[in-house]
N, C-alpha and C. Protein backbone atom coordinates (compact mmCIF):
# COMPACT_ATOMS: atom_id res chain seq x y z
N MET A 1 -21.80 24.22 -47.03
CA MET A 1 -22.08 23.52 -45.79
C MET A 1 -22.43 22.06 -46.08
N LYS A 2 -23.20 21.84 -47.14
CA LYS A 2 -23.60 20.49 -47.50
C LYS A 2 -22.37 19.64 -47.85
N ARG A 3 -21.37 20.24 -48.53
CA ARG A 3 -20.15 19.51 -48.89
C ARG A 3 -19.35 19.13 -47.64
N ILE A 4 -19.34 20.02 -46.70
CA ILE A 4 -18.61 19.74 -45.45
C ILE A 4 -19.25 18.56 -44.73
N ILE A 5 -20.56 18.55 -44.65
CA ILE A 5 -21.27 17.45 -43.99
C ILE A 5 -21.03 16.14 -44.73
N ILE A 6 -21.12 16.16 -46.05
CA ILE A 6 -20.89 14.95 -46.85
C ILE A 6 -19.44 14.49 -46.67
N GLY A 7 -18.51 15.43 -46.69
CA GLY A 7 -17.10 15.09 -46.49
C GLY A 7 -16.86 14.44 -45.14
N MET A 8 -17.49 14.99 -44.11
CA MET A 8 -17.34 14.42 -42.77
C MET A 8 -17.93 13.01 -42.71
N LEU A 9 -19.09 12.81 -43.32
CA LEU A 9 -19.71 11.48 -43.34
C LEU A 9 -18.83 10.48 -44.08
N VAL A 10 -18.22 10.91 -45.18
CA VAL A 10 -17.31 10.03 -45.92
C VAL A 10 -16.10 9.67 -45.06
N LEU A 11 -15.53 10.66 -44.38
CA LEU A 11 -14.39 10.40 -43.49
C LEU A 11 -14.74 9.42 -42.38
N ILE A 12 -15.91 9.58 -41.81
CA ILE A 12 -16.37 8.68 -40.75
C ILE A 12 -16.53 7.27 -41.31
N ALA A 13 -17.12 7.15 -42.49
CA ALA A 13 -17.32 5.83 -43.11
C ALA A 13 -15.98 5.17 -43.43
N VAL A 14 -15.03 5.94 -43.93
CA VAL A 14 -13.70 5.39 -44.23
C VAL A 14 -13.00 4.96 -42.93
N ALA A 15 -13.08 5.77 -41.90
CA ALA A 15 -12.46 5.43 -40.62
C ALA A 15 -13.07 4.13 -40.07
N PHE A 16 -14.39 4.04 -40.13
CA PHE A 16 -15.06 2.83 -39.67
C PHE A 16 -14.60 1.62 -40.47
N ALA A 17 -14.51 1.76 -41.79
CA ALA A 17 -14.08 0.65 -42.65
C ALA A 17 -12.65 0.23 -42.33
N VAL A 18 -11.78 1.19 -42.07
CA VAL A 18 -10.39 0.87 -41.73
C VAL A 18 -10.34 0.13 -40.39
N VAL A 19 -11.05 0.64 -39.38
CA VAL A 19 -11.07 0.00 -38.06
C VAL A 19 -11.61 -1.42 -38.19
N TYR A 20 -12.70 -1.59 -38.93
CA TYR A 20 -13.30 -2.90 -39.10
C TYR A 20 -12.35 -3.83 -39.85
N GLY A 21 -11.74 -3.33 -40.92
CA GLY A 21 -10.82 -4.15 -41.71
C GLY A 21 -9.60 -4.58 -40.91
N VAL A 22 -9.01 -3.66 -40.17
CA VAL A 22 -7.86 -4.01 -39.33
C VAL A 22 -8.29 -5.01 -38.26
N GLY A 23 -9.46 -4.77 -37.65
CA GLY A 23 -9.97 -5.69 -36.63
C GLY A 23 -10.16 -7.10 -37.18
N LEU A 24 -10.67 -7.20 -38.41
CA LEU A 24 -10.84 -8.52 -39.04
C LEU A 24 -9.52 -9.23 -39.24
N SER A 25 -8.46 -8.45 -39.50
CA SER A 25 -7.15 -9.06 -39.76
C SER A 25 -6.44 -9.52 -38.49
N LEU A 26 -6.91 -9.07 -37.33
CA LEU A 26 -6.29 -9.45 -36.06
C LEU A 26 -6.80 -10.83 -35.63
N PRO A 27 -5.96 -11.60 -34.94
CA PRO A 27 -6.43 -12.90 -34.46
C PRO A 27 -7.49 -12.74 -33.37
N GLN A 28 -8.40 -13.66 -33.32
CA GLN A 28 -9.46 -13.62 -32.30
C GLN A 28 -8.89 -13.87 -30.91
N ASN A 29 -7.86 -14.69 -30.80
CA ASN A 29 -7.28 -15.05 -29.50
C ASN A 29 -6.00 -14.26 -29.25
N HIS A 30 -5.74 -13.99 -27.99
CA HIS A 30 -4.48 -13.35 -27.60
C HIS A 30 -4.07 -13.84 -26.21
N VAL A 31 -2.79 -13.69 -25.93
CA VAL A 31 -2.26 -13.98 -24.60
C VAL A 31 -1.44 -12.77 -24.18
N ALA A 32 -1.73 -12.26 -23.00
CA ALA A 32 -1.00 -11.12 -22.45
C ALA A 32 -0.72 -11.42 -20.99
N ALA A 33 0.48 -11.09 -20.53
CA ALA A 33 0.83 -11.38 -19.14
C ALA A 33 1.56 -10.19 -18.53
N VAL A 34 1.23 -9.91 -17.26
CA VAL A 34 1.88 -8.85 -16.49
C VAL A 34 2.28 -9.41 -15.13
N ARG A 35 3.26 -8.73 -14.51
CA ARG A 35 3.79 -9.23 -13.24
C ARG A 35 4.14 -8.05 -12.35
N ALA A 36 4.01 -8.28 -11.03
CA ALA A 36 4.44 -7.28 -10.04
C ALA A 36 4.90 -8.00 -8.79
N GLU A 37 5.80 -7.35 -8.07
CA GLU A 37 6.30 -7.90 -6.81
C GLU A 37 5.62 -7.19 -5.65
N PHE A 38 5.35 -7.97 -4.59
CA PHE A 38 4.64 -7.47 -3.42
C PHE A 38 5.40 -7.85 -2.15
N ALA A 39 5.29 -7.02 -1.13
CA ALA A 39 5.84 -7.35 0.17
C ALA A 39 4.90 -8.29 0.94
N ALA A 40 3.63 -8.30 0.56
CA ALA A 40 2.65 -9.18 1.21
C ALA A 40 2.98 -10.64 0.92
N SER A 41 2.54 -11.51 1.81
CA SER A 41 2.80 -12.94 1.66
C SER A 41 1.92 -13.55 0.57
N PRO A 42 2.35 -14.69 0.02
CA PRO A 42 1.50 -15.38 -0.95
C PRO A 42 0.11 -15.70 -0.39
N GLU A 43 0.05 -16.07 0.88
CA GLU A 43 -1.23 -16.41 1.50
C GLU A 43 -2.16 -15.20 1.55
N GLU A 44 -1.62 -14.04 1.95
CA GLU A 44 -2.43 -12.81 2.01
C GLU A 44 -2.93 -12.42 0.62
N ILE A 45 -2.05 -12.52 -0.34
CA ILE A 45 -2.42 -12.16 -1.72
C ILE A 45 -3.48 -13.11 -2.25
N PHE A 46 -3.27 -14.40 -2.06
CA PHE A 46 -4.23 -15.40 -2.53
C PHE A 46 -5.61 -15.14 -1.92
N GLU A 47 -5.66 -14.96 -0.60
CA GLU A 47 -6.94 -14.73 0.08
C GLU A 47 -7.63 -13.48 -0.45
N THR A 48 -6.87 -12.44 -0.72
CA THR A 48 -7.44 -11.18 -1.21
C THR A 48 -8.03 -11.35 -2.61
N ILE A 49 -7.29 -12.01 -3.48
CA ILE A 49 -7.79 -12.23 -4.85
C ILE A 49 -8.98 -13.17 -4.84
N ALA A 50 -8.89 -14.24 -4.07
CA ALA A 50 -9.95 -15.26 -4.05
C ALA A 50 -11.26 -14.75 -3.46
N ASP A 51 -11.20 -13.75 -2.58
CA ASP A 51 -12.41 -13.21 -1.95
C ASP A 51 -13.06 -12.19 -2.88
N PHE A 52 -13.67 -12.69 -3.95
CA PHE A 52 -14.26 -11.81 -4.96
C PHE A 52 -15.34 -10.90 -4.38
N ARG A 53 -16.01 -11.34 -3.33
CA ARG A 53 -17.07 -10.52 -2.72
C ARG A 53 -16.52 -9.20 -2.18
N ALA A 54 -15.23 -9.19 -1.79
CA ALA A 54 -14.61 -7.99 -1.21
C ALA A 54 -13.91 -7.12 -2.25
N HIS A 55 -13.92 -7.51 -3.50
CA HIS A 55 -13.23 -6.73 -4.53
C HIS A 55 -13.68 -5.27 -4.60
N PRO A 56 -14.96 -4.95 -4.43
CA PRO A 56 -15.35 -3.53 -4.47
C PRO A 56 -14.66 -2.68 -3.39
N GLU A 57 -14.20 -3.30 -2.32
CA GLU A 57 -13.55 -2.55 -1.25
C GLU A 57 -12.17 -2.03 -1.66
N TRP A 58 -11.52 -2.68 -2.62
CA TRP A 58 -10.17 -2.27 -3.00
C TRP A 58 -9.96 -2.08 -4.50
N ARG A 59 -10.94 -2.40 -5.30
CA ARG A 59 -10.85 -2.17 -6.75
C ARG A 59 -11.84 -1.07 -7.11
N PRO A 60 -11.36 0.16 -7.29
CA PRO A 60 -12.26 1.29 -7.57
C PRO A 60 -13.14 1.10 -8.81
N SER A 61 -12.71 0.31 -9.78
CA SER A 61 -13.51 0.12 -10.99
C SER A 61 -14.67 -0.85 -10.79
N VAL A 62 -14.71 -1.54 -9.65
CA VAL A 62 -15.79 -2.48 -9.35
C VAL A 62 -16.71 -1.85 -8.31
N GLU A 63 -17.94 -1.53 -8.73
CA GLU A 63 -18.89 -0.89 -7.82
C GLU A 63 -19.52 -1.89 -6.85
N ARG A 64 -19.86 -3.08 -7.40
CA ARG A 64 -20.45 -4.10 -6.54
C ARG A 64 -20.35 -5.47 -7.22
N ILE A 65 -20.58 -6.47 -6.43
CA ILE A 65 -20.55 -7.87 -6.89
C ILE A 65 -21.93 -8.47 -6.65
N GLU A 66 -22.44 -9.15 -7.65
CA GLU A 66 -23.66 -9.92 -7.49
C GLU A 66 -23.29 -11.40 -7.61
N GLU A 67 -23.55 -12.12 -6.57
CA GLU A 67 -23.22 -13.54 -6.58
C GLU A 67 -24.21 -14.30 -7.44
N LEU A 68 -23.71 -15.24 -8.23
CA LEU A 68 -24.54 -16.10 -9.06
C LEU A 68 -24.59 -17.49 -8.43
N PRO A 69 -25.55 -18.30 -8.83
CA PRO A 69 -25.55 -19.68 -8.34
C PRO A 69 -24.25 -20.37 -8.76
N ALA A 70 -23.75 -21.25 -7.88
CA ALA A 70 -22.53 -21.98 -8.20
C ALA A 70 -22.72 -22.78 -9.48
N ARG A 71 -21.66 -22.91 -10.23
CA ARG A 71 -21.67 -23.67 -11.49
C ARG A 71 -20.84 -24.94 -11.26
N ASP A 72 -21.50 -26.08 -11.18
CA ASP A 72 -20.82 -27.35 -10.88
C ASP A 72 -19.99 -27.24 -9.60
N GLY A 73 -20.53 -26.54 -8.61
CA GLY A 73 -19.86 -26.40 -7.33
C GLY A 73 -18.83 -25.29 -7.28
N ARG A 74 -18.63 -24.57 -8.37
CA ARG A 74 -17.63 -23.50 -8.42
C ARG A 74 -18.32 -22.15 -8.27
N PRO A 75 -17.71 -21.24 -7.48
CA PRO A 75 -18.30 -19.91 -7.30
C PRO A 75 -18.40 -19.15 -8.61
N ALA A 76 -19.47 -18.37 -8.74
CA ALA A 76 -19.68 -17.52 -9.92
C ALA A 76 -20.26 -16.19 -9.44
N TRP A 77 -19.97 -15.14 -10.16
CA TRP A 77 -20.40 -13.80 -9.77
C TRP A 77 -20.40 -12.88 -10.97
N VAL A 78 -21.01 -11.71 -10.78
CA VAL A 78 -21.00 -10.65 -11.78
C VAL A 78 -20.33 -9.43 -11.15
N GLU A 79 -19.30 -8.92 -11.81
CA GLU A 79 -18.70 -7.65 -11.40
C GLU A 79 -19.47 -6.54 -12.09
N LEU A 80 -19.91 -5.57 -11.34
CA LEU A 80 -20.62 -4.44 -11.91
C LEU A 80 -19.77 -3.19 -11.67
N GLY A 81 -19.54 -2.46 -12.75
CA GLY A 81 -18.71 -1.26 -12.63
C GLY A 81 -18.86 -0.37 -13.84
N ALA A 82 -17.90 0.49 -14.02
CA ALA A 82 -17.94 1.49 -15.09
C ALA A 82 -17.99 0.87 -16.47
N THR A 83 -17.41 -0.32 -16.64
CA THR A 83 -17.40 -0.95 -17.96
C THR A 83 -18.57 -1.89 -18.18
N GLY A 84 -19.51 -1.93 -17.24
CA GLY A 84 -20.68 -2.78 -17.39
C GLY A 84 -20.52 -4.09 -16.65
N PRO A 85 -21.49 -4.99 -16.81
CA PRO A 85 -21.44 -6.26 -16.08
C PRO A 85 -20.44 -7.23 -16.70
N LEU A 86 -19.75 -7.97 -15.84
CA LEU A 86 -18.81 -8.99 -16.30
C LEU A 86 -19.01 -10.22 -15.42
N ALA A 87 -19.58 -11.27 -16.00
CA ALA A 87 -19.83 -12.51 -15.27
C ALA A 87 -18.58 -13.37 -15.29
N MET A 88 -18.24 -13.89 -14.10
CA MET A 88 -17.02 -14.68 -13.93
C MET A 88 -17.33 -15.96 -13.15
N GLU A 89 -16.44 -16.93 -13.32
CA GLU A 89 -16.52 -18.18 -12.57
C GLU A 89 -15.11 -18.56 -12.11
N LEU A 90 -14.97 -18.98 -10.88
CA LEU A 90 -13.68 -19.45 -10.38
C LEU A 90 -13.53 -20.90 -10.83
N THR A 91 -12.65 -21.14 -11.80
CA THR A 91 -12.54 -22.48 -12.39
C THR A 91 -11.38 -23.29 -11.83
N GLU A 92 -10.40 -22.63 -11.18
CA GLU A 92 -9.31 -23.35 -10.53
C GLU A 92 -8.91 -22.60 -9.28
N SER A 93 -8.56 -23.34 -8.24
CA SER A 93 -8.09 -22.74 -7.00
C SER A 93 -7.11 -23.69 -6.34
N GLU A 94 -5.84 -23.26 -6.28
CA GLU A 94 -4.79 -24.04 -5.64
C GLU A 94 -4.06 -23.13 -4.65
N PRO A 95 -4.62 -22.97 -3.43
CA PRO A 95 -4.01 -22.06 -2.46
C PRO A 95 -2.58 -22.48 -2.10
N PRO A 96 -1.69 -21.57 -1.88
CA PRO A 96 -1.77 -20.13 -2.14
C PRO A 96 -1.09 -19.74 -3.45
N ALA A 97 -1.07 -20.65 -4.43
CA ALA A 97 -0.23 -20.43 -5.60
C ALA A 97 -0.96 -20.08 -6.90
N ARG A 98 -2.21 -20.49 -7.05
CA ARG A 98 -2.83 -20.33 -8.38
C ARG A 98 -4.35 -20.22 -8.27
N LEU A 99 -4.87 -19.28 -9.04
CA LEU A 99 -6.32 -19.12 -9.22
C LEU A 99 -6.57 -18.92 -10.71
N VAL A 100 -7.71 -19.40 -11.18
CA VAL A 100 -8.12 -19.14 -12.55
C VAL A 100 -9.58 -18.71 -12.52
N ALA A 101 -9.83 -17.53 -13.09
CA ALA A 101 -11.20 -17.02 -13.22
C ALA A 101 -11.53 -16.96 -14.70
N THR A 102 -12.66 -17.54 -15.06
CA THR A 102 -13.08 -17.62 -16.45
C THR A 102 -14.29 -16.73 -16.68
N ILE A 103 -14.26 -15.97 -17.77
CA ILE A 103 -15.37 -15.10 -18.12
C ILE A 103 -16.51 -15.96 -18.65
N LEU A 104 -17.70 -15.75 -18.14
CA LEU A 104 -18.90 -16.40 -18.66
C LEU A 104 -19.36 -15.52 -19.82
N SER A 105 -18.94 -15.86 -21.02
CA SER A 105 -18.99 -14.92 -22.14
C SER A 105 -20.23 -14.98 -23.01
N GLU A 106 -21.27 -15.70 -22.60
CA GLU A 106 -22.48 -15.75 -23.42
C GLU A 106 -22.99 -14.33 -23.67
N GLY A 107 -23.09 -13.95 -24.94
CA GLY A 107 -23.61 -12.63 -25.30
C GLY A 107 -22.60 -11.50 -25.16
N MET A 108 -21.37 -11.81 -24.80
CA MET A 108 -20.35 -10.78 -24.63
C MET A 108 -19.51 -10.67 -25.91
N PRO A 109 -18.88 -9.51 -26.14
CA PRO A 109 -18.01 -9.38 -27.31
C PRO A 109 -16.64 -10.01 -27.09
N PHE A 110 -16.41 -10.53 -25.87
CA PHE A 110 -15.11 -11.12 -25.55
C PHE A 110 -15.30 -12.24 -24.53
N GLY A 111 -14.26 -13.03 -24.35
CA GLY A 111 -14.27 -14.10 -23.37
C GLY A 111 -12.84 -14.44 -23.01
N GLY A 112 -12.68 -15.52 -22.28
CA GLY A 112 -11.34 -15.96 -21.92
C GLY A 112 -11.21 -16.21 -20.44
N ARG A 113 -9.96 -16.19 -19.97
CA ARG A 113 -9.72 -16.45 -18.56
C ARG A 113 -8.48 -15.71 -18.09
N TRP A 114 -8.44 -15.47 -16.80
CA TRP A 114 -7.29 -14.87 -16.13
C TRP A 114 -6.67 -15.92 -15.23
N ILE A 115 -5.38 -16.12 -15.38
CA ILE A 115 -4.63 -17.06 -14.56
C ILE A 115 -3.76 -16.23 -13.62
N TYR A 116 -4.00 -16.39 -12.33
CA TYR A 116 -3.22 -15.70 -11.30
C TYR A 116 -2.22 -16.70 -10.73
N GLU A 117 -0.94 -16.39 -10.87
CA GLU A 117 0.10 -17.24 -10.32
C GLU A 117 0.87 -16.45 -9.27
N ILE A 118 0.96 -17.02 -8.07
CA ILE A 118 1.57 -16.33 -6.93
C ILE A 118 2.78 -17.15 -6.49
N GLU A 119 3.95 -16.54 -6.60
CA GLU A 119 5.18 -17.22 -6.25
C GLU A 119 5.83 -16.54 -5.06
N PRO A 120 6.24 -17.31 -4.06
CA PRO A 120 6.92 -16.70 -2.91
C PRO A 120 8.29 -16.17 -3.31
N THR A 121 8.69 -15.08 -2.67
CA THR A 121 10.02 -14.51 -2.82
C THR A 121 10.61 -14.33 -1.42
N ALA A 122 11.85 -13.92 -1.36
CA ALA A 122 12.50 -13.71 -0.06
C ALA A 122 11.83 -12.59 0.72
N THR A 123 11.18 -11.66 0.01
CA THR A 123 10.59 -10.49 0.67
C THR A 123 9.07 -10.43 0.57
N GLY A 124 8.43 -11.45 0.01
CA GLY A 124 6.98 -11.42 -0.15
C GLY A 124 6.52 -12.37 -1.24
N ALA A 125 6.06 -11.80 -2.36
CA ALA A 125 5.55 -12.64 -3.45
C ALA A 125 5.58 -11.89 -4.77
N THR A 126 5.64 -12.65 -5.83
CA THR A 126 5.48 -12.13 -7.18
C THR A 126 4.15 -12.65 -7.70
N VAL A 127 3.35 -11.76 -8.26
CA VAL A 127 2.06 -12.15 -8.84
C VAL A 127 2.13 -11.92 -10.35
N THR A 128 1.81 -12.96 -11.09
CA THR A 128 1.72 -12.87 -12.55
C THR A 128 0.28 -13.14 -12.94
N ILE A 129 -0.28 -12.26 -13.75
CA ILE A 129 -1.62 -12.48 -14.30
C ILE A 129 -1.45 -12.70 -15.79
N THR A 130 -1.92 -13.84 -16.26
CA THR A 130 -1.91 -14.14 -17.69
C THR A 130 -3.35 -14.13 -18.18
N GLU A 131 -3.59 -13.28 -19.16
CA GLU A 131 -4.92 -13.20 -19.78
C GLU A 131 -4.89 -14.01 -21.06
N GLU A 132 -5.70 -15.05 -21.11
CA GLU A 132 -5.90 -15.82 -22.33
C GLU A 132 -7.26 -15.38 -22.87
N GLY A 133 -7.22 -14.38 -23.74
CA GLY A 133 -8.45 -13.74 -24.17
C GLY A 133 -8.91 -14.13 -25.55
N GLU A 134 -10.20 -13.92 -25.75
CA GLU A 134 -10.86 -14.12 -27.05
C GLU A 134 -11.70 -12.89 -27.29
N VAL A 135 -11.52 -12.28 -28.45
CA VAL A 135 -12.32 -11.10 -28.77
C VAL A 135 -13.06 -11.42 -30.06
N TYR A 136 -14.38 -11.52 -29.96
CA TYR A 136 -15.20 -12.01 -31.07
C TYR A 136 -15.51 -10.95 -32.11
N SER A 137 -15.72 -9.73 -31.70
CA SER A 137 -16.10 -8.64 -32.59
C SER A 137 -14.85 -8.00 -33.20
N ALA A 138 -14.87 -7.79 -34.53
CA ALA A 138 -13.74 -7.16 -35.22
C ALA A 138 -13.48 -5.75 -34.69
N ILE A 139 -14.54 -5.01 -34.44
CA ILE A 139 -14.38 -3.64 -33.91
C ILE A 139 -13.74 -3.69 -32.53
N PHE A 140 -14.22 -4.58 -31.67
CA PHE A 140 -13.68 -4.66 -30.33
C PHE A 140 -12.25 -5.21 -30.34
N ARG A 141 -11.91 -6.07 -31.32
CA ARG A 141 -10.52 -6.54 -31.45
C ARG A 141 -9.59 -5.36 -31.70
N PHE A 142 -10.01 -4.45 -32.58
CA PHE A 142 -9.22 -3.25 -32.85
C PHE A 142 -9.06 -2.41 -31.58
N VAL A 143 -10.18 -2.16 -30.91
CA VAL A 143 -10.16 -1.34 -29.70
C VAL A 143 -9.30 -2.01 -28.62
N SER A 144 -9.48 -3.31 -28.43
CA SER A 144 -8.73 -4.04 -27.41
C SER A 144 -7.23 -4.00 -27.68
N ARG A 145 -6.85 -4.11 -28.92
CA ARG A 145 -5.43 -4.16 -29.26
C ARG A 145 -4.78 -2.78 -29.30
N TYR A 146 -5.43 -1.82 -29.97
CA TYR A 146 -4.77 -0.54 -30.25
C TYR A 146 -5.19 0.62 -29.35
N ILE A 147 -6.34 0.54 -28.73
CA ILE A 147 -6.79 1.66 -27.90
C ILE A 147 -6.64 1.31 -26.41
N MET A 148 -7.25 0.22 -25.98
CA MET A 148 -7.16 -0.18 -24.57
C MET A 148 -5.83 -0.86 -24.28
N GLY A 149 -5.44 -1.78 -25.14
CA GLY A 149 -4.25 -2.60 -24.90
C GLY A 149 -4.64 -3.86 -24.15
N HIS A 150 -4.08 -4.99 -24.56
CA HIS A 150 -4.43 -6.25 -23.92
C HIS A 150 -3.96 -6.34 -22.47
N HIS A 151 -2.98 -5.51 -22.10
CA HIS A 151 -2.43 -5.57 -20.74
C HIS A 151 -3.13 -4.64 -19.75
N ALA A 152 -4.00 -3.78 -20.23
CA ALA A 152 -4.56 -2.71 -19.39
C ALA A 152 -5.32 -3.21 -18.17
N SER A 153 -6.24 -4.12 -18.35
CA SER A 153 -7.08 -4.57 -17.23
C SER A 153 -6.26 -5.30 -16.17
N ALA A 154 -5.38 -6.19 -16.59
CA ALA A 154 -4.56 -6.93 -15.63
C ALA A 154 -3.57 -6.01 -14.92
N SER A 155 -3.03 -5.03 -15.65
CA SER A 155 -2.12 -4.05 -15.03
C SER A 155 -2.85 -3.25 -13.96
N LEU A 156 -4.07 -2.82 -14.28
CA LEU A 156 -4.87 -2.07 -13.31
C LEU A 156 -5.16 -2.94 -12.08
N PHE A 157 -5.48 -4.21 -12.29
CA PHE A 157 -5.75 -5.11 -11.19
C PHE A 157 -4.54 -5.19 -10.26
N LEU A 158 -3.34 -5.35 -10.82
CA LEU A 158 -2.13 -5.43 -9.99
C LEU A 158 -1.86 -4.13 -9.25
N SER A 159 -2.09 -3.00 -9.90
CA SER A 159 -1.92 -1.71 -9.23
C SER A 159 -2.91 -1.57 -8.07
N ASP A 160 -4.16 -1.95 -8.31
CA ASP A 160 -5.17 -1.91 -7.25
C ASP A 160 -4.81 -2.86 -6.11
N LEU A 161 -4.29 -4.04 -6.45
CA LEU A 161 -3.87 -5.00 -5.43
C LEU A 161 -2.74 -4.42 -4.59
N GLY A 162 -1.80 -3.75 -5.25
CA GLY A 162 -0.73 -3.09 -4.51
C GLY A 162 -1.28 -2.05 -3.55
N ALA A 163 -2.21 -1.23 -4.02
CA ALA A 163 -2.82 -0.21 -3.16
C ALA A 163 -3.54 -0.86 -1.98
N ARG A 164 -4.15 -2.00 -2.20
CA ARG A 164 -4.85 -2.74 -1.12
C ARG A 164 -3.90 -3.04 0.02
N PHE A 165 -2.63 -3.32 -0.33
CA PHE A 165 -1.63 -3.64 0.69
C PHE A 165 -0.75 -2.44 1.04
N GLY A 166 -1.13 -1.25 0.57
CA GLY A 166 -0.36 -0.05 0.86
C GLY A 166 0.97 -0.01 0.14
N GLU A 167 1.03 -0.68 -1.00
CA GLU A 167 2.27 -0.76 -1.76
C GLU A 167 2.11 -0.07 -3.11
N ASP A 168 3.16 0.62 -3.53
CA ASP A 168 3.20 1.22 -4.87
C ASP A 168 3.99 0.26 -5.74
N VAL A 169 3.30 -0.60 -6.48
CA VAL A 169 3.98 -1.64 -7.25
C VAL A 169 4.30 -1.17 -8.66
N THR A 170 5.33 -1.79 -9.21
CA THR A 170 5.68 -1.57 -10.61
C THR A 170 5.19 -2.77 -11.39
N VAL A 171 4.38 -2.52 -12.40
CA VAL A 171 3.83 -3.61 -13.21
C VAL A 171 4.71 -3.76 -14.45
N ASP A 172 5.20 -4.98 -14.65
CA ASP A 172 6.04 -5.28 -15.81
C ASP A 172 5.24 -6.14 -16.79
N ILE A 173 5.40 -5.84 -18.08
CA ILE A 173 4.79 -6.67 -19.11
C ILE A 173 5.70 -7.87 -19.34
N VAL A 174 5.13 -9.05 -19.21
CA VAL A 174 5.88 -10.29 -19.37
C VAL A 174 5.71 -10.81 -20.79
N ARG A 175 4.51 -10.72 -21.30
CA ARG A 175 4.20 -11.24 -22.64
C ARG A 175 3.10 -10.44 -23.26
C-alpha cells in the first residue's frame, strides 16, 4: 500500500512538472478571434453588448455585475459568476461598430482585452470578438491553451448573444 501511495505521489509530481514546463514554454501573449452572423441589426447588437449592467439577464455565466467608479471617465465593472470576479473597463466605444473592454488585471493570473467589431450585412450583422490575452502564470497558460482553449470564452459570449436575440448562431474560429 505504501508503494502505491508513493507511486501515485511521484506520478502527480511528474504531471505537475510537465504541465509547468509546457506552460513555461508557451508565450505569455496570445490572440484568438471568433465570429458569428446575426439577423439583429448592428445597432441592436452594439447596445446589447455595451449595456454591461444587463449582461446577467442574457449571459448565464454572469450572476451579477458590480459597478466600479469610472476610470478617467470610462465605465468599469466587475462580472461575478462561476469563474469568480472579473474586473473590466470599457476603453473604446464607437457606436455601432466597435467596443473594447479591457481586463483590470491587478492580482489576476491573466489580462488583456476583448475587441468587439460589428459589421453590417445584408441580413443583419457579423460580430467578431478578438481576444488579445496575456496569461502570466505558467500553469494557467497550459490550462488556457490546452484545456479551456483561447477561443472558449468569446465563443460562449457569441452563443449567449445569439440566444439573447432568439438566434442559434454558428461560431467560426477566425484566428
